[in-house]
Every structure is written in structure tokens, then in C-alpha cells.
Protein backbone atom coordinates (compact mmCIF):
# COMPACT_ATOMS: atom_id res chain seq x y z
CA MET A 1 5.44 10.29 -102.26
CA ASP A 2 8.52 8.21 -103.15
CA ILE A 3 9.40 4.91 -101.50
CA SER A 4 12.09 6.41 -99.19
CA GLY A 5 9.66 9.10 -97.98
CA ALA A 6 6.97 6.52 -97.31
CA GLY A 7 9.46 4.40 -95.37
CA THR A 8 10.50 7.36 -93.23
CA LEU A 9 6.86 8.21 -92.51
CA LEU A 10 6.11 4.58 -91.59
CA LEU A 11 9.14 4.48 -89.27
CA ALA A 12 8.03 7.72 -87.59
CA ILE A 13 4.52 6.33 -87.08
CA CYS A 14 5.96 3.13 -85.58
CA VAL A 15 8.19 5.10 -83.18
CA LEU A 16 5.26 7.30 -82.16
CA CYS A 17 3.08 4.24 -81.57
CA LEU A 18 5.85 2.66 -79.48
CA ILE A 19 6.16 5.82 -77.35
CA LEU A 20 2.39 5.97 -76.88
CA LEU A 21 2.33 2.27 -75.95
CA ILE A 22 5.08 2.77 -73.37
CA MET A 23 3.26 5.81 -71.94
CA TRP A 24 -0.02 3.88 -71.79
CA SER A 25 1.71 0.97 -70.04
CA GLU A 26 3.35 3.31 -67.52
CA ASN A 27 0.06 5.11 -66.88
CA SER A 28 -1.66 1.76 -66.24
CA LYS A 29 0.99 0.86 -63.66
CA ARG A 30 0.74 4.26 -61.98
CA LYS A 31 -3.02 3.94 -61.51
CA GLU A 32 -2.45 1.26 -58.86
CA MET A 33 0.42 3.10 -57.15
CA PRO A 34 0.17 5.99 -54.68
CA PRO A 35 -0.91 9.27 -56.33
CA GLY A 36 1.50 11.97 -57.39
CA PRO A 37 2.26 14.54 -60.09
CA SER A 38 2.24 13.23 -63.67
CA PRO A 39 5.82 12.60 -64.88
CA LEU A 40 7.38 13.47 -68.20
CA PRO A 41 9.14 10.72 -70.23
CA LEU A 42 12.74 10.18 -68.99
CA LEU A 43 12.74 13.41 -66.93
CA GLY A 44 10.00 12.31 -64.54
CA ASN A 45 9.00 15.15 -62.19
CA ILE A 46 12.40 16.85 -62.14
CA LEU A 47 11.08 19.98 -63.86
CA GLN A 48 8.15 20.14 -61.41
CA LEU A 49 10.31 19.79 -58.27
CA ASN A 50 12.91 22.09 -56.82
CA MET A 51 15.91 19.72 -56.83
CA LYS A 52 17.75 22.15 -54.53
CA GLU A 53 14.93 22.17 -51.96
CA LEU A 54 13.37 18.70 -52.16
CA PRO A 55 12.14 18.67 -48.53
CA LYS A 56 10.06 21.79 -49.18
CA SER A 57 8.77 20.32 -52.45
CA PHE A 58 7.75 17.10 -50.69
CA LEU A 59 5.94 18.95 -47.90
CA LYS A 60 3.87 20.76 -50.53
CA LEU A 61 3.11 17.49 -52.36
CA ALA A 62 1.96 15.83 -49.11
CA LYS A 63 -0.69 18.53 -48.71
CA VAL A 64 -2.04 17.66 -52.15
CA TYR A 65 -1.60 13.87 -52.33
CA GLY A 66 -1.57 12.71 -48.70
CA ASP A 67 0.88 10.77 -46.54
CA VAL A 68 1.88 8.26 -49.24
CA PHE A 69 2.67 9.66 -52.67
CA THR A 70 4.80 8.92 -55.72
CA VAL A 71 7.37 11.08 -57.49
CA HIS A 72 9.64 10.27 -60.40
CA LEU A 73 13.25 11.45 -60.07
CA GLY A 74 14.27 10.99 -63.67
CA PRO A 75 13.58 7.35 -64.56
CA ARG A 76 13.50 6.31 -60.87
CA THR A 77 10.10 5.86 -59.22
CA VAL A 78 10.06 6.90 -55.56
CA VAL A 79 7.33 6.40 -52.97
CA VAL A 80 7.52 9.03 -50.22
CA LEU A 81 6.30 8.23 -46.69
CA HIS A 82 5.08 11.34 -44.86
CA GLY A 83 4.44 11.62 -41.09
CA TYR A 84 5.31 9.46 -38.11
CA GLU A 85 2.44 6.99 -38.34
CA THR A 86 3.14 6.26 -42.01
CA VAL A 87 6.88 5.79 -41.48
CA LYS A 88 6.35 3.57 -38.43
CA GLU A 89 3.77 1.44 -40.23
CA ALA A 90 6.22 0.80 -43.07
CA LEU A 91 9.60 0.48 -41.30
CA VAL A 92 8.45 -1.20 -38.08
CA ASP A 93 5.06 -2.88 -38.61
CA ARG A 94 5.94 -3.94 -42.18
CA ALA A 95 9.69 -4.31 -41.66
CA ASP A 96 9.81 -7.55 -43.66
CA VAL A 97 8.74 -5.60 -46.76
CA PHE A 98 10.41 -2.20 -46.32
CA SER A 99 13.80 -2.96 -44.75
CA ASN A 100 15.71 -3.44 -47.99
CA ARG A 101 18.14 -0.73 -48.98
CA ALA A 102 17.31 1.05 -52.24
CA ARG A 103 19.77 1.39 -55.05
CA PHE A 104 21.76 4.57 -54.55
CA PRO A 105 23.25 5.11 -58.03
CA GLY A 106 25.59 7.97 -57.10
CA ALA A 107 27.06 6.06 -54.15
CA GLU A 108 27.16 2.79 -56.10
CA LEU A 109 29.58 4.40 -58.56
CA VAL A 110 32.03 4.59 -55.65
CA PHE A 111 31.03 1.75 -53.30
CA LYS A 112 29.05 -0.62 -55.54
CA ASP A 113 26.88 -2.63 -53.09
CA TYR A 114 29.65 -3.42 -50.60
CA GLY A 115 29.66 -2.57 -46.89
CA ILE A 116 26.73 -2.25 -44.49
CA LEU A 117 24.99 0.87 -45.70
CA LEU A 118 24.03 -0.08 -49.25
CA SER A 119 23.94 -3.88 -49.14
CA ASN A 120 21.01 -6.26 -48.76
CA GLY A 121 20.38 -9.91 -48.03
CA GLU A 122 23.05 -12.17 -46.60
CA ARG A 123 25.86 -9.63 -47.10
CA TRP A 124 24.03 -7.02 -45.00
CA LYS A 125 23.08 -9.56 -42.31
CA GLN A 126 26.62 -10.89 -41.92
CA LEU A 127 28.36 -7.50 -41.96
CA ARG A 128 25.86 -5.85 -39.60
CA ARG A 129 26.04 -8.76 -37.13
CA PHE A 130 29.85 -8.75 -37.22
CA SER A 131 30.08 -4.95 -36.92
CA LEU A 132 27.65 -4.72 -34.02
CA THR A 133 29.44 -7.47 -32.12
CA THR A 134 32.86 -5.96 -32.76
CA LEU A 135 31.82 -2.42 -31.83
CA ARG A 136 30.26 -3.69 -28.61
CA ASN A 137 33.41 -5.67 -27.82
CA PHE A 138 35.35 -2.43 -28.15
CA GLY A 139 32.98 -0.71 -25.78
CA MET A 140 30.20 0.92 -27.82
CA GLY A 141 27.53 1.89 -25.31
CA LYS A 142 29.76 0.83 -22.41
CA ARG A 143 32.03 2.43 -19.85
CA SER A 144 35.18 2.00 -21.97
CA VAL A 145 33.83 4.21 -24.78
CA GLU A 146 32.58 6.71 -22.20
CA GLU A 147 36.14 7.02 -20.91
CA ARG A 148 37.45 7.57 -24.45
CA ILE A 149 34.90 10.34 -25.03
CA GLN A 150 35.82 11.94 -21.71
CA GLU A 151 39.52 11.83 -22.61
CA GLU A 152 38.80 13.35 -26.03
CA SER A 153 36.65 16.01 -24.33
CA CYS A 154 39.71 17.07 -22.35
CA CYS A 155 41.73 17.30 -25.58
CA LEU A 156 38.96 19.36 -27.16
CA ARG A 157 38.80 21.66 -24.13
CA ASP A 158 42.56 22.30 -24.38
CA GLU A 159 42.24 23.18 -28.07
CA LEU A 160 39.24 25.41 -27.45
CA LYS A 161 41.14 27.26 -24.73
CA LYS A 162 43.64 28.40 -27.38
CA HIS A 163 40.80 30.37 -29.00
CA THR A 164 39.23 31.93 -25.90
CA GLY A 165 38.66 35.66 -26.24
CA SER A 166 38.42 35.65 -30.02
CA PHE A 167 35.68 34.71 -32.46
CA PHE A 168 36.32 31.52 -34.44
CA ASP A 169 34.51 28.78 -36.35
CA PRO A 170 34.28 25.71 -34.05
CA THR A 171 33.32 23.30 -36.85
CA TYR A 172 36.63 21.56 -37.44
CA LEU A 173 37.62 21.22 -33.79
CA VAL A 174 34.26 19.63 -32.97
CA SER A 175 34.53 17.35 -36.02
CA LEU A 176 38.05 16.28 -35.06
CA ALA A 177 36.99 15.43 -31.52
CA VAL A 178 33.97 13.39 -32.62
CA SER A 179 35.93 11.65 -35.38
CA ASN A 180 38.74 10.67 -33.01
CA VAL A 181 36.33 8.53 -30.99
CA ILE A 182 35.40 6.37 -33.98
CA CYS A 183 39.04 6.42 -35.17
CA LEU A 184 40.11 4.85 -31.88
CA ILE A 185 37.64 2.03 -32.42
CA VAL A 186 38.21 1.53 -36.16
CA PHE A 187 41.91 2.40 -36.63
CA GLY A 188 43.14 1.95 -33.07
CA GLN A 189 44.48 5.50 -32.87
CA ARG A 190 43.45 9.10 -32.43
CA PHE A 191 44.91 11.95 -34.44
CA LYS A 192 46.34 15.27 -33.31
CA TYR A 193 44.20 18.28 -34.13
CA ASP A 194 46.92 19.68 -36.41
CA ASP A 195 47.56 16.42 -38.28
CA GLU A 196 47.51 17.50 -41.94
CA ILE A 197 46.49 14.08 -43.28
CA PHE A 198 43.60 13.84 -40.83
CA LEU A 199 42.47 17.40 -41.57
CA SER A 200 42.58 16.70 -45.30
CA LEU A 201 40.57 13.51 -44.82
CA LEU A 202 37.81 15.31 -42.93
CA ALA A 203 37.76 18.14 -45.47
CA LYS A 204 37.27 15.63 -48.30
CA LEU A 205 34.51 13.89 -46.36
CA LYS A 206 32.67 17.16 -45.71
CA GLU A 207 33.00 18.23 -49.34
CA ALA A 208 31.62 14.89 -50.56
CA PHE A 209 28.68 15.18 -48.14
CA LYS A 210 27.95 18.72 -49.34
CA ILE A 211 28.03 17.74 -53.03
CA ARG A 212 25.94 14.61 -52.43
CA ASN A 213 23.11 16.75 -51.04
CA SER A 214 23.32 19.44 -53.70
CA SER A 215 21.16 19.61 -56.81
CA VAL A 216 23.96 18.14 -58.92
CA GLY A 217 24.21 15.29 -56.40
CA GLN A 218 20.51 14.59 -56.84
CA LEU A 219 20.91 14.63 -60.62
CA LEU A 220 23.87 12.23 -60.33
CA ASN A 221 21.59 9.82 -58.48
CA SER A 222 18.86 10.24 -61.07
CA PHE A 223 21.07 9.98 -64.17
CA PRO A 224 24.29 8.22 -63.03
CA LYS A 225 25.42 6.92 -66.44
CA LEU A 226 25.08 10.40 -67.94
CA PHE A 227 26.52 12.52 -65.12
CA VAL A 228 29.49 10.28 -64.37
CA ASN A 229 30.97 11.44 -67.71
CA ILE A 230 30.01 15.12 -67.42
CA PRO A 231 32.48 17.61 -65.88
CA GLY A 232 31.30 19.36 -62.74
CA PRO A 233 31.66 19.58 -58.95
CA HIS A 234 30.31 16.03 -58.53
CA GLN A 235 33.56 14.72 -60.03
CA LYS A 236 35.28 15.77 -56.79
CA VAL A 237 33.31 13.08 -54.97
CA PHE A 238 35.11 10.38 -56.94
CA LYS A 239 38.51 12.00 -56.41
CA ASN A 240 37.88 12.48 -52.69
CA PHE A 241 36.83 8.90 -52.08
CA SER A 242 39.80 7.66 -54.08
CA SER A 243 42.07 9.55 -51.65
CA ILE A 244 40.17 8.20 -48.64
CA LYS A 245 40.39 4.65 -50.02
CA LYS A 246 44.16 5.06 -50.36
CA PHE A 247 44.35 6.16 -46.70
CA VAL A 248 42.31 3.16 -45.52
CA LEU A 249 44.42 0.79 -47.63
CA GLU A 250 47.60 2.15 -46.02
CA LYS A 251 46.08 1.56 -42.58
CA VAL A 252 45.11 -2.01 -43.54
CA VAL A 253 48.68 -2.71 -44.71
CA GLU A 254 50.03 -1.34 -41.41
CA HIS A 255 47.62 -3.53 -39.47
CA ARG A 256 48.53 -6.64 -41.43
CA GLU A 257 52.23 -6.12 -40.69
CA THR A 258 51.69 -5.81 -36.94
CA LEU A 259 48.64 -8.05 -36.45
CA ASP A 260 48.47 -10.25 -33.36
CA VAL A 261 45.52 -12.64 -33.80
CA ASN A 262 45.42 -13.23 -30.05
CA CYS A 263 45.14 -9.55 -29.22
CA PRO A 264 43.09 -7.55 -31.77
CA ARG A 265 43.47 -3.82 -31.25
CA ASP A 266 40.52 -2.45 -33.24
CA PHE A 267 37.84 -3.06 -35.85
CA ILE A 268 40.33 -3.49 -38.73
CA ASP A 269 42.26 -6.16 -36.80
CA CYS A 270 39.05 -8.07 -36.12
CA PHE A 271 38.02 -7.89 -39.77
CA LEU A 272 41.46 -9.10 -40.93
CA ILE A 273 41.25 -12.04 -38.53
CA LYS A 274 37.80 -12.88 -39.90
CA MET A 275 39.16 -12.64 -43.46
CA GLU A 276 41.86 -15.16 -42.61
CA GLU A 277 39.36 -17.52 -40.96
CA GLU A 278 37.10 -17.49 -44.02
CA LYS A 279 39.70 -17.37 -46.80
CA THR A 280 38.81 -20.89 -47.96
CA ILE A 281 35.05 -20.22 -47.97
CA PRO A 282 33.73 -19.51 -51.50
CA ASN A 283 31.92 -16.18 -51.81
CA THR A 284 32.82 -15.10 -48.28
CA GLU A 285 31.70 -11.60 -47.41
CA PHE A 286 34.94 -10.93 -45.54
CA HIS A 287 37.26 -9.45 -48.16
CA PHE A 288 38.99 -6.11 -48.73
CA GLU A 289 36.17 -4.36 -50.64
CA ASN A 290 33.71 -5.03 -47.81
CA LEU A 291 36.36 -4.02 -45.27
CA PHE A 292 37.04 -0.70 -47.01
CA VAL A 293 33.39 0.26 -47.51
CA THR A 294 32.37 -0.86 -44.00
CA VAL A 295 35.18 1.24 -42.52
CA MET A 296 33.97 4.17 -44.65
CA ASN A 297 30.38 3.61 -43.47
CA LEU A 298 31.48 3.62 -39.82
CA PHE A 299 33.84 6.57 -40.26
CA PHE A 300 31.22 8.71 -42.02
CA ALA A 301 28.35 7.75 -39.69
CA GLY A 302 30.56 8.24 -36.65
CA THR A 303 31.85 11.65 -37.73
CA GLU A 304 29.63 13.78 -39.93
CA THR A 305 26.18 13.39 -38.37
CA THR A 306 27.20 13.77 -34.72
CA SER A 307 29.63 16.64 -35.31
CA MET A 308 27.06 18.48 -37.44
CA THR A 309 24.46 18.10 -34.68
CA LEU A 310 26.89 19.53 -32.12
CA LYS A 311 27.78 22.41 -34.43
CA ILE A 312 24.11 23.30 -34.94
CA GLY A 313 23.45 22.80 -31.22
CA LEU A 314 26.03 25.42 -30.22
CA ARG A 315 24.49 27.91 -32.65
CA ILE A 316 21.01 27.22 -31.28
CA LEU A 317 22.27 27.93 -27.76
CA LEU A 318 23.74 31.21 -28.97
CA LYS A 319 20.30 32.23 -30.18
CA TYR A 320 18.59 31.15 -26.96
CA PRO A 321 20.77 32.37 -24.06
CA ASP A 322 17.98 31.62 -21.58
CA VAL A 323 18.10 27.94 -22.58
CA LEU A 324 21.90 28.00 -22.34
CA ALA A 325 21.73 29.48 -18.84
CA LYS A 326 19.30 26.77 -17.65
CA VAL A 327 21.51 23.98 -19.04
CA GLN A 328 24.61 25.41 -17.36
CA GLU A 329 22.71 25.82 -14.09
CA GLU A 330 21.77 22.13 -14.23
CA ILE A 331 25.36 21.14 -15.07
CA ASP A 332 26.66 23.16 -12.10
CA LEU A 333 24.10 21.58 -9.78
CA VAL A 334 24.60 17.95 -10.83
CA VAL A 335 28.21 17.79 -12.06
CA GLY A 336 29.95 20.82 -10.62
CA HIS A 337 33.35 21.98 -11.87
CA HIS A 338 35.75 19.42 -10.41
CA ARG A 339 35.03 16.33 -12.51
CA CYS A 340 33.99 15.37 -16.04
CA PRO A 341 30.32 14.83 -16.83
CA SER A 342 29.47 11.13 -16.99
CA VAL A 343 26.69 8.98 -18.41
CA GLN A 344 25.41 8.46 -14.85
CA ASP A 345 24.62 12.18 -14.70
CA HIS A 346 22.28 11.84 -17.67
CA SER A 347 19.21 10.68 -15.71
CA LYS A 348 19.65 13.52 -13.19
CA MET A 349 19.63 16.24 -15.87
CA PRO A 350 16.15 16.20 -17.48
CA TYR A 351 16.34 19.73 -18.87
CA THR A 352 19.72 19.15 -20.53
CA ASP A 353 18.41 15.86 -21.92
CA ALA A 354 15.36 17.63 -23.33
CA VAL A 355 17.54 20.32 -24.93
CA ILE A 356 19.77 17.74 -26.63
CA HIS A 357 16.74 15.86 -27.96
CA GLU A 358 15.24 19.11 -29.22
CA ILE A 359 18.53 20.03 -30.92
CA GLN A 360 18.45 16.71 -32.78
CA ARG A 361 14.79 17.14 -33.70
CA PHE A 362 15.17 20.74 -34.81
CA ALA A 363 18.48 20.23 -36.65
CA ASN A 364 16.92 17.51 -38.82
CA ILE A 365 20.25 16.79 -40.53
CA LEU A 366 19.06 13.80 -42.62
CA PRO A 367 15.69 14.83 -44.06
CA PHE A 368 15.18 11.58 -46.00
CA SER A 369 17.22 9.13 -43.96
CA ILE A 370 18.86 6.71 -46.43
CA PRO A 371 16.46 5.37 -49.10
CA HIS A 372 14.74 2.05 -48.52
CA ALA A 373 13.22 -0.30 -51.09
CA SER A 374 10.32 -2.73 -51.18
CA ALA A 375 11.55 -6.32 -50.90
CA GLN A 376 8.45 -7.61 -52.65
CA THR A 377 5.34 -6.34 -54.38
CA THR A 378 2.92 -5.31 -51.66
CA ILE A 379 -0.27 -3.39 -50.90
CA PHE A 380 0.34 -0.49 -48.52
CA ARG A 381 -2.55 1.70 -47.41
CA GLY A 382 -4.56 0.52 -50.40
CA TYR A 383 -1.86 1.21 -52.97
CA LYS A 384 0.26 -1.26 -54.91
CA ILE A 385 4.01 -0.83 -54.47
CA PRO A 386 6.02 -3.03 -56.87
CA LYS A 387 9.07 -4.97 -55.75
CA GLY A 388 12.25 -2.91 -55.85
CA THR A 389 10.51 0.49 -55.66
CA THR A 390 12.61 3.14 -53.93
CA VAL A 391 11.00 4.34 -50.67
CA PHE A 392 11.89 7.62 -48.95
CA PRO A 393 11.08 7.71 -45.21
CA PHE A 394 10.64 11.49 -45.00
CA LEU A 395 12.15 12.10 -41.55
CA THR A 396 11.54 15.85 -41.71
CA SER A 397 7.81 15.12 -41.63
CA VAL A 398 8.32 12.81 -38.65
CA LEU A 399 10.47 15.13 -36.54
CA LYS A 400 8.11 18.01 -37.32
CA ASP A 401 4.86 16.09 -37.14
CA PRO A 402 2.33 18.47 -35.51
CA LYS A 403 0.45 15.50 -34.03
CA TYR A 404 3.44 14.84 -31.74
CA PHE A 405 5.16 18.24 -31.45
CA HIS A 406 2.84 21.13 -30.61
CA ASN A 407 5.08 23.79 -32.16
CA PRO A 408 7.15 21.81 -34.70
CA GLU A 409 8.82 24.72 -36.52
CA LYS A 410 10.09 26.33 -33.32
CA PHE A 411 13.00 25.25 -31.11
CA ASP A 412 11.29 24.39 -27.83
CA PRO A 413 12.78 22.02 -25.19
CA SER A 414 9.31 21.65 -23.63
CA HIS A 415 8.56 19.21 -26.46
CA PHE A 416 10.46 16.69 -24.30
CA LEU A 417 9.39 17.81 -20.81
CA ASP A 418 6.33 16.78 -18.82
CA GLU A 419 4.28 19.01 -16.54
CA THR A 420 6.65 18.45 -13.60
CA GLY A 421 9.81 19.28 -15.59
CA GLY A 422 10.82 15.65 -15.99
CA PHE A 423 12.12 14.27 -19.27
CA GLN A 424 9.39 12.91 -21.55
CA LYS A 425 10.04 10.54 -24.45
CA LYS A 426 8.28 11.12 -27.76
CA GLU A 427 7.68 8.17 -30.08
CA ALA A 428 8.04 10.42 -33.13
CA PHE A 429 11.64 11.25 -32.16
CA LEU A 430 13.40 9.31 -34.93
CA PRO A 431 16.61 11.17 -35.90
CA PHE A 432 18.36 7.81 -36.30
CA SER A 433 15.46 6.39 -38.36
CA THR A 434 13.77 3.22 -37.06
CA GLY A 435 13.22 -0.47 -37.75
CA LYS A 436 15.85 -2.96 -38.86
CA ARG A 437 17.91 -0.28 -40.61
CA ILE A 438 18.19 2.02 -37.60
CA CYS A 439 21.61 3.68 -37.28
CA LEU A 440 24.28 1.19 -36.19
CA GLY A 441 26.00 3.67 -33.87
CA GLU A 442 22.93 5.21 -32.24
CA SER A 443 24.01 4.45 -28.65
CA MET A 444 27.48 5.91 -29.20
CA ALA A 445 26.10 9.00 -30.93
CA ARG A 446 23.75 9.67 -28.00
CA MET A 447 26.64 9.30 -25.57
CA GLN A 448 28.87 11.64 -27.56
CA LEU A 449 26.22 14.33 -27.86
CA PHE A 450 25.59 14.34 -24.12
CA LEU A 451 29.21 14.17 -22.98
CA PHE A 452 30.76 16.58 -25.49
CA LEU A 453 28.05 19.22 -25.13
CA THR A 454 27.92 19.14 -21.33
CA PHE A 455 31.73 19.21 -21.12
CA ILE A 456 31.93 22.28 -23.37
CA LEU A 457 29.21 24.10 -21.42
CA GLN A 458 30.77 23.08 -18.10
CA ASN A 459 34.00 24.84 -19.09
CA PHE A 460 32.88 27.75 -21.28
CA THR A 461 30.24 30.40 -21.68
CA LEU A 462 29.23 30.98 -25.30
CA LYS A 463 29.05 34.39 -26.93
CA SER A 464 27.96 35.35 -30.44
CA GLU A 465 29.18 38.15 -32.69
CA GLU A 466 25.52 38.59 -33.75
CA ASP A 467 22.59 39.75 -31.70
CA PRO A 468 20.74 36.55 -30.64
CA SER A 469 17.50 37.78 -32.22
CA ALA A 470 19.28 38.13 -35.58
CA ILE A 471 20.71 34.59 -35.66
CA ASP A 472 19.17 32.65 -38.54
CA LEU A 473 18.86 28.93 -37.77
CA THR A 474 17.49 27.91 -41.16
CA PRO A 475 19.80 25.88 -43.44
CA LEU A 476 21.52 27.58 -46.35
CA PRO A 477 19.17 28.01 -49.33
CA ASN A 478 19.36 25.49 -52.17
CA THR A 479 21.14 22.78 -50.14
CA ASN A 480 18.19 20.43 -49.64
CA GLY A 481 18.03 21.49 -46.01
CA VAL A 482 21.24 19.78 -44.90
CA ILE A 483 23.99 22.42 -45.09
CA HIS A 484 23.74 24.86 -42.20
CA ARG A 485 25.06 28.40 -42.03
CA PRO A 486 28.66 28.99 -40.97
CA TYR A 487 29.15 31.07 -37.87
CA LYS A 488 31.76 32.21 -35.37
CA ILE A 489 31.66 31.83 -31.63
CA GLN A 490 33.54 33.30 -28.71
CA LEU A 491 34.28 31.15 -25.66
CA VAL A 492 34.78 32.60 -22.20
CA ALA A 493 36.27 30.30 -19.56
CA ARG A 494 33.92 29.72 -16.62
């Protein structure tokens, strides 16, 4: 063998030894962590999981490995928390350890770590405190927001009336109504239902949400540096958010030109005033990037999740006309037909309340919540979880935990009713997650779901173009359980 051949062989042996050393080191680390399927180098468990149906894959893994297990999504190590008791123990009982937000590589390409949703530490504390205070000052959870929802309900009713007698897809009208409530708080204005800019904005938001939860969206999160340069549908996410950022920037410029520091009109005004107050403070968190991303966080959270729940809720009621009839009977008894439903009616309508809770539980629109991370190396249920490990609170397994819901795969309002027909809370009802990172707009979302749904059912009877028994409530295949089937509905004025 010549010298060059011997050198090549030696180099190959060294590379092989290095790979084996890395694999041995990784195996040693994994022995202390929660169990899970053995990963391949670089790819992790991607070839062993269905990246288009991760919730189903995780449910299968939980049967094998228990309520705390580890998967590897590419090079990223993820600890999955399965079942209510496990999620509560981590996010509530051990909140000091598990309340950090995990790195979200796909989103970081657009938002970096600005805003409320993806930030940690002092940035998250300051922005969350400011946002909560500001939203409450503008009426979140109070009578003033209730009045805005009631007014928007009237606008929605008038739009829906234009479609009575024909079958149509209610998705966009419901989304516009829900979005207008948060727009009033954030931008200080509502938009007409035929506003082309507003319609385009919502379409871009929905498309980004759909791509984010697709298999290519999961791969973008697993291999961001690779996929950011590869052509594909995920590139639309970047284009869409660039357009949305331009829209927000235009609104900020408008607000700056008409700002009255003594009379702030909305969230943007309040943020601009705070920016001016802290302009001399080094490293202040109140600057445009945090304003833009926080506005995006509020806009998305205040639009997509609530409108999707309402959309699914209407389809569920089409499938279960007996449930629909009972809800409308309760609305007629408590509210009647001569005034808008109000928050005060809520406590007098236990069946309706149970139905809305069951819609949220059954719809399960955020199977994994938003990923958490361990703030420090810790021992959890006998396993070592290193600092910075991504943690998935698997909300599907919470909302469908058979220990708390006797028939978890079936839509059944009795899950939230006691023996006397009164409303019954369930501790495993966590559609907004739990702990320190619980959804910022939970109180407003609850109010919107109750008021919009009862107002629609007060004014209209729902009819389906399908036989109720044929209506399929399962999400579309290969969408990770978050994209639900389109449908058409016919409204008949009551």
C-alpha cells in the first residue's frame, strides 16, 4: 500500500472512531433521559415517525414508553409529556423549571426571539406584564369588551343574513368577526367584511398556520438552516409575514402621526408611549421589533384559535341536531329573542356552557400547545432532563385523558354536566394550556366563544347539505390533526 493510500485509510479510521465516540457519548446521555425510540445520526426519529400525523405517532409511543418519553426531531431532542397529571406536574407544580419557551427554529427565522410568544427571561416578563395591563385597560374580560363583541355579533348577523337560504362556507365571516374584536383593541379600528386588505391579511395568516402544521413545517423546524434555502410551500410563510409586517408598520406610522399621549386609543398607542418613555434606557425592551412581533402574537392568538373553534363548533352542531335543539331551547328560555346574549346569561345556561367546553375539548386545535423548555437541568419522574431541552406538553392526551373524560373520543356534553344537569368543571380541561405560559387572551376567548355562538344560534337554525350521520368530524389526513374539513352550511332565520 502506498503512502497516500495508507493516509486515506488512517483518515477513514479516525472519522469512523470519531462517529463511534459521538454515538457512544450520545447513548450515555440518553440512558439518563426518559426512554424513547433509538435515533439515527442527524435524522433522529424522523424516519420512524409520521411527520404528517405526529399526534397519532406520539399516542402510540406513550403506550410503549409511558407518560414521559423522548423523541429526536432531527438534531433536536424533545421530551413529550403525556396525560393530565404529567402536564400539570411539569407546568404547574414545577413551573420554575418548565415555564421557559423552547426555541422554535421555523418561527425564529421570521420573529427571532422578539415578542411575548417566543421570548424568555426579562423580555418575556416585561412584555407580558405590559400587554396584560394594557389589554385589561382596554376592557379584556370586562363589560367594555363584551359590548364590542355584541356589536360585532350584530355585524356578523347582518352578513350571515345575506346568505340565508343557500349553502356557503362560514369560515371567513366567522374569522372576520372574531378578528375585528382584537383589531379594535390593537389597531383601534374594525374592518368591513369586504375590505380587500383585511381579507388578504387573514388569508395569509391562515395559509401560514396551515403550512406551519404541515410535514414541511415540521421539517423546517427540525432543519431550519437547510430548509430556509430550499424551494417549497414553506417559502410562502416568509413572504406572508413580510406582507403582514408591512401592514403593521403602516399602522404604526399612522398612529405616530396622530398620537395623543394623554388619550391613547389602543394597544399600539400605549406601546408607542412606552417606547418614548424608555428611549434613553439602554437595552429597553420597548422598540419596534418587539412592538411588531407582540402585535402579531396578539393578532394571531386573538383570531385563528377562536375562529377555528367556532367553525368546528358549528359543524359539530350540524352532526348533532339534538344537541343543537337543546342549546337553542336554553337560549330561548334564558335570553329570548328581543336582546343580545350577555355574559350575565352564562351562569344560567349550564347546558350551553357544557357544549362550548366540549367543543373546545373535542376540537383540540393545538395538540402540542407551544413548546416549552427546561430552564435548568432537573430530575423529573426519575429521569434527567438537561437544561434547554425542548418539552412538548401533549394537550391532545390531556383533553382526551380517559381518567377524566369517560368517553374521550366521542363528542359528549355530559363530560361537563353533573347528575342534576348543572355545569361541572373538569381539571383536565386545558385548551389554553396551563401554568405561567397560559394563553394571554383566555378570558376574552371564552367570552367570544359564548357570545358569538349563542348570538348565531339565537338568530338562525343550522342545516347541513350532508346527512348528519355522514358528517366526518375528524381533521383532514396528514395535517397533524389541526386542519379541519371544509364544509358548507345553510342558515334559516328563526
